[in-house]
Amino acid sequence: MDILAVLVAVLAAPALVAALWFWVSRQNSQGKVRRGATGGMLGVADEIFRPETHYAHQVQRIEHELPAPAPAPEPKS
């Protein structure tokens, strides 16, 4: 009976992660464009094991939200 409980626990963990990933990816759909859910789930691992990558993703997110710079004024002649 203990082996059955361990087997259920071992098989349930990956199934739960897969179900969570599928649910998050369905929630992230915007119209016809679908975004992957792995970025949010693996962001914690990047923050711990690859801080440079995590910092680069933060910079990309901030740069994406910033408005485009205004065009330079035309010189008067």
C-alpha atoms as a PDB file:
ATOM      1  CA  MET A   1       0.000   0.000   0.000  1.00  0.00           C
ATOM      2  CA  ASP A   2       2.898   2.361   0.686  1.00  0.00           C
ATOM      3  CA  ILE A   3       4.330   1.669  -2.759  1.00  0.00           C
ATOM      4  CA  LEU A   4       1.018   2.652  -4.314  1.00  0.00           C
ATOM      5  CA  ALA A   5       1.008   5.972  -2.440  1.00  0.00           C
ATOM      6  CA  VAL A   6       4.580   6.716  -3.517  1.00  0.00           C
ATOM      7  CA  LEU A   7       3.783   5.784  -7.105  1.00  0.00           C
ATOM      8  CA  VAL A   8       0.744   8.072  -7.145  1.00  0.00           C
ATOM      9  CA  ALA A   9       2.776  10.930  -5.647  1.00  0.00           C
ATOM     10  CA  VAL A  10       5.606  10.463  -8.171  1.00  0.00           C
ATOM     11  CA  LEU A  11       3.232  10.358 -11.136  1.00  0.00           C
ATOM     12  CA  ALA A  12       0.962  13.123  -9.881  1.00  0.00           C
ATOM     13  CA  ALA A  13       3.707  15.755  -9.603  1.00  0.00           C
ATOM     14  CA  PRO A  14       4.611  15.856 -13.343  1.00  0.00           C
ATOM     15  CA  ALA A  15       0.938  15.615 -14.284  1.00  0.00           C
ATOM     16  CA  LEU A  16       0.166  18.590 -12.042  1.00  0.00           C
ATOM     17  CA  VAL A  17       3.007  20.631 -13.559  1.00  0.00           C
ATOM     18  CA  ALA A  18       1.833  19.754 -17.084  1.00  0.00           C
ATOM     19  CA  ALA A  19      -1.764  20.679 -16.241  1.00  0.00           C
ATOM     20  CA  LEU A  20      -0.622  23.960 -14.689  1.00  0.00           C
ATOM     21  CA  TRP A  21       1.513  24.771 -17.736  1.00  0.00           C
ATOM     22  CA  PHE A  22      -1.402  24.030 -20.076  1.00  0.00           C
ATOM     23  CA  TRP A  23      -3.807  26.164 -18.026  1.00  0.00           C
ATOM     24  CA  VAL A  24      -1.405  29.111 -17.859  1.00  0.00           C
ATOM     25  CA  SER A  25      -0.696  28.912 -21.588  1.00  0.00           C
ATOM     26  CA  ARG A  26      -4.443  28.984 -22.289  1.00  0.00           C
ATOM     27  CA  GLN A  27      -4.834  32.040 -20.048  1.00  0.00           C
ATOM     28  CA  ASN A  28      -1.996  33.839 -21.864  1.00  0.00           C
ATOM     29  CA  SER A  29      -3.649  33.760 -25.273  1.00  0.00           C
ATOM     30  CA  GLN A  30      -4.383  37.180 -26.721  1.00  0.00           C
ATOM     31  CA  GLY A  31      -6.559  36.985 -29.781  1.00  0.00           C
ATOM     32  CA  LYS A  32      -4.740  34.857 -32.334  1.00  0.00           C
ATOM     33  CA  VAL A  33      -1.326  35.339 -30.728  1.00  0.00           C
ATOM     34  CA  ARG A  34      -0.418  32.821 -28.062  1.00  0.00           C
ATOM     35  CA  ARG A  35       2.382  33.372 -25.616  1.00  0.00           C
ATOM     36  CA  GLY A  36       4.143  30.460 -23.970  1.00  0.00           C
ATOM     37  CA  ALA A  37       3.781  29.844 -20.269  1.00  0.00           C
ATOM     38  CA  THR A  38       7.264  28.489 -19.736  1.00  0.00           C
ATOM     39  CA  GLY A  39       8.787  31.954 -19.403  1.00  0.00           C
ATOM     40  CA  GLY A  40       6.888  32.691 -16.235  1.00  0.00           C
ATOM     41  CA  MET A  41       7.408  29.257 -14.774  1.00  0.00           C
ATOM     42  CA  LEU A  42      11.138  29.202 -15.504  1.00  0.00           C
ATOM     43  CA  GLY A  43      11.721  32.807 -14.453  1.00  0.00           C
ATOM     44  CA  VAL A  44      12.338  31.723 -10.889  1.00  0.00           C
ATOM     45  CA  ALA A  45      15.029  29.286 -12.024  1.00  0.00           C
ATOM     46  CA  ASP A  46      16.646  32.027 -14.118  1.00  0.00           C
ATOM     47  CA  GLU A  47      16.624  34.380 -11.149  1.00  0.00           C
ATOM     48  CA  ILE A  48      18.441  31.822  -9.009  1.00  0.00           C
ATOM     49  CA  PHE A  49      20.772  30.035 -11.430  1.00  0.00           C
ATOM     50  CA  ARG A  50      21.262  32.576 -14.240  1.00  0.00           C
ATOM     51  CA  PRO A  51      20.939  36.097 -12.799  1.00  0.00           C
ATOM     52  CA  GLU A  52      22.337  37.714 -15.978  1.00  0.00           C
ATOM     53  CA  THR A  53      19.531  36.196 -18.043  1.00  0.00           C
ATOM     54  CA  HIS A  54      16.921  37.275 -15.504  1.00  0.00           C
ATOM     55  CA  TYR A  55      18.296  40.822 -15.559  1.00  0.00           C
ATOM     56  CA  ALA A  56      18.270  40.841 -19.386  1.00  0.00           C
ATOM     57  CA  HIS A  57      14.608  39.771 -19.399  1.00  0.00           C
ATOM     58  CA  GLN A  58      13.751  42.565 -16.966  1.00  0.00           C
ATOM     59  CA  VAL A  59      15.509  45.118 -19.189  1.00  0.00           C
ATOM     60  CA  GLN A  60      13.683  43.795 -22.283  1.00  0.00           C
ATOM     61  CA  ARG A  61      10.334  44.049 -20.500  1.00  0.00           C
ATOM     62  CA  ILE A  62      11.034  47.634 -19.418  1.00  0.00           C
ATOM     63  CA  GLU A  63      12.257  48.653 -22.886  1.00  0.00           C
ATOM     64  CA  HIS A  64       9.153  47.131 -24.460  1.00  0.00           C
ATOM     65  CA  GLU A  65       6.905  49.231 -22.222  1.00  0.00           C
ATOM     66  CA  LEU A  66       8.751  52.505 -22.841  1.00  0.00           C
ATOM     67  CA  PRO A  67       7.322  54.745 -25.561  1.00  0.00           C
ATOM     68  CA  ALA A  68       9.326  55.406 -28.712  1.00  0.00           C
ATOM     69  CA  PRO A  69      11.456  58.544 -28.569  1.00  0.00           C
ATOM     70  CA  ALA A  70      10.065  61.662 -30.194  1.00  0.00           C
ATOM     71  CA  PRO A  71      11.550  62.525 -33.590  1.00  0.00           C
ATOM     72  CA  ALA A  72      14.202  65.208 -33.700  1.00  0.00           C
ATOM     73  CA  PRO A  73      12.981  68.636 -34.832  1.00  0.00           C
ATOM     74  CA  GLU A  74      13.793  69.663 -38.391  1.00  0.00           C
ATOM     75  CA  PRO A  75      16.547  72.274 -38.631  1.00  0.00           C
ATOM     76  CA  LYS A  76      15.377  75.694 -39.794  1.00  0.00           C
ATOM     77  CA  SER A  77      17.264  77.107 -42.771  1.00  0.00           C
END
